[in-house]
Amino acid sequence: MATIRDVRIDAGLGMVVQRWRSTEDGLFLRARGQREEVRLVCRCGRSHWIVREQYAIGSASLLVMCHTCGTRGSFLLEGVTLPTP
C-alpha cells in the first residue's frame, strides 16, 4: 500500500484541485501535476476539515476550514461543470 504524503495548508496554496474526498482519516486532494493524492494538514497538525464547494461564473473553488482551530484556505477546482438549469 502506498504511503500518503501530507501537505500543510501553507504549502498547498496555489494548488489546483482536480478531485477531493473526505474520510475519517482526513481530506485527500488530487492536484494538477500530481500522480498521487495528498492529505491536507493544518498548521495545528490536524487533518479534519469543513469543506464547501463554491461556484461562480467561469470558476469553482474548494473552501476549507480546520475543524479544530478554524484556519481557512481555498483552492481552485479544475474540471468542474455545473448542470444546465
Protein backbone atom coordinates (compact mmCIF):
# COMPACT_ATOMS: atom_id res chain seq x y z
CA MET A 1 0.00 0.00 0.00
CA ALA A 2 1.34 3.44 -0.95
CA THR A 3 2.18 6.00 1.70
CA ILE A 4 0.02 9.11 1.57
CA ARG A 5 2.02 12.33 1.54
CA ASP A 6 0.87 15.08 3.91
CA VAL A 7 0.79 18.66 2.59
CA ARG A 8 0.47 21.56 5.03
CA ILE A 9 -2.18 24.15 4.21
CA ASP A 10 0.50 26.84 3.75
CA ALA A 11 2.46 24.71 1.26
CA GLY A 12 -0.69 23.87 -0.68
CA LEU A 13 -1.64 27.45 -1.53
CA GLY A 14 -1.95 27.85 -5.28
CA MET A 15 -2.65 24.15 -5.78
CA VAL A 16 -5.31 23.39 -8.41
CA VAL A 17 -7.55 20.56 -7.20
CA GLN A 18 -8.95 18.08 -9.71
CA ARG A 19 -10.64 15.76 -7.19
CA TRP A 20 -11.19 15.62 -3.46
CA ARG A 21 -12.58 13.22 -0.89
CA SER A 22 -13.15 13.42 2.82
CA THR A 23 -12.79 10.38 5.10
CA GLU A 24 -12.33 9.76 8.81
CA ASP A 25 -8.57 9.90 8.11
CA GLY A 26 -8.70 13.42 6.67
CA LEU A 27 -9.20 15.44 3.49
CA PHE A 28 -7.50 13.97 0.43
CA LEU A 29 -6.80 16.06 -2.66
CA ARG A 30 -5.72 15.14 -6.18
CA ALA A 31 -3.90 18.17 -7.57
CA ARG A 32 -2.93 19.07 -11.10
CA GLY A 33 0.52 17.66 -11.90
CA GLN A 34 0.48 15.15 -9.02
CA ARG A 35 0.33 11.41 -9.62
CA GLU A 36 -0.91 10.56 -6.13
CA GLU A 37 -3.42 12.23 -3.87
CA VAL A 38 -2.20 14.07 -0.79
CA ARG A 39 -3.71 14.63 2.66
CA LEU A 40 -4.22 18.27 3.64
CA VAL A 41 -2.84 19.07 7.12
CA CYS A 42 -3.49 22.24 9.10
CA ARG A 43 -0.94 24.42 10.90
CA CYS A 44 -2.24 22.89 14.14
CA GLY A 45 -1.31 19.41 12.90
CA ARG A 46 -4.85 18.12 12.37
CA SER A 47 -6.30 16.95 9.07
CA HIS A 48 -10.06 17.25 9.64
CA TRP A 49 -11.75 19.97 7.61
CA ILE A 50 -15.15 21.50 7.00
CA VAL A 51 -15.37 21.57 3.20
CA ARG A 52 -17.54 23.60 0.84
CA GLU A 53 -17.56 23.95 -2.93
CA GLN A 54 -18.30 27.46 -4.21
CA TYR A 55 -19.35 28.16 -7.79
CA ALA A 56 -19.18 31.40 -9.75
CA ILE A 57 -19.47 32.13 -13.45
CA GLY A 58 -16.41 30.59 -15.06
CA SER A 59 -14.81 29.19 -11.90
CA ALA A 60 -15.24 26.88 -8.94
CA SER A 61 -13.41 26.84 -5.61
CA LEU A 62 -12.92 24.38 -2.78
CA LEU A 63 -13.17 26.23 0.55
CA VAL A 64 -11.77 24.52 3.65
CA MET A 65 -11.81 25.38 7.34
CA CYS A 66 -9.96 23.39 10.01
CA HIS A 67 -12.44 21.67 12.29
CA THR A 68 -10.08 22.17 15.25
CA CYS A 69 -8.59 25.69 15.05
CA GLY A 70 -10.58 27.44 12.29
CA THR A 71 -7.70 28.02 9.84
CA ARG A 72 -9.14 28.68 6.38
CA GLY A 73 -7.94 28.06 2.85
CA SER A 74 -9.24 27.92 -0.69
CA PHE A 75 -8.22 26.09 -3.83
CA LEU A 76 -9.24 26.43 -7.46
CA LEU A 77 -11.24 23.43 -8.66
CA GLU A 78 -10.44 22.20 -12.16
CA GLY A 79 -12.76 20.26 -14.43
CA VAL A 80 -15.96 21.05 -12.54
CA THR A 81 -19.08 21.59 -14.61
CA LEU A 82 -22.46 22.71 -13.37
CA PRO A 83 -25.69 21.19 -14.66
CA THR A 84 -27.67 23.38 -17.03
CA PRO A 85 -30.81 24.76 -15.32
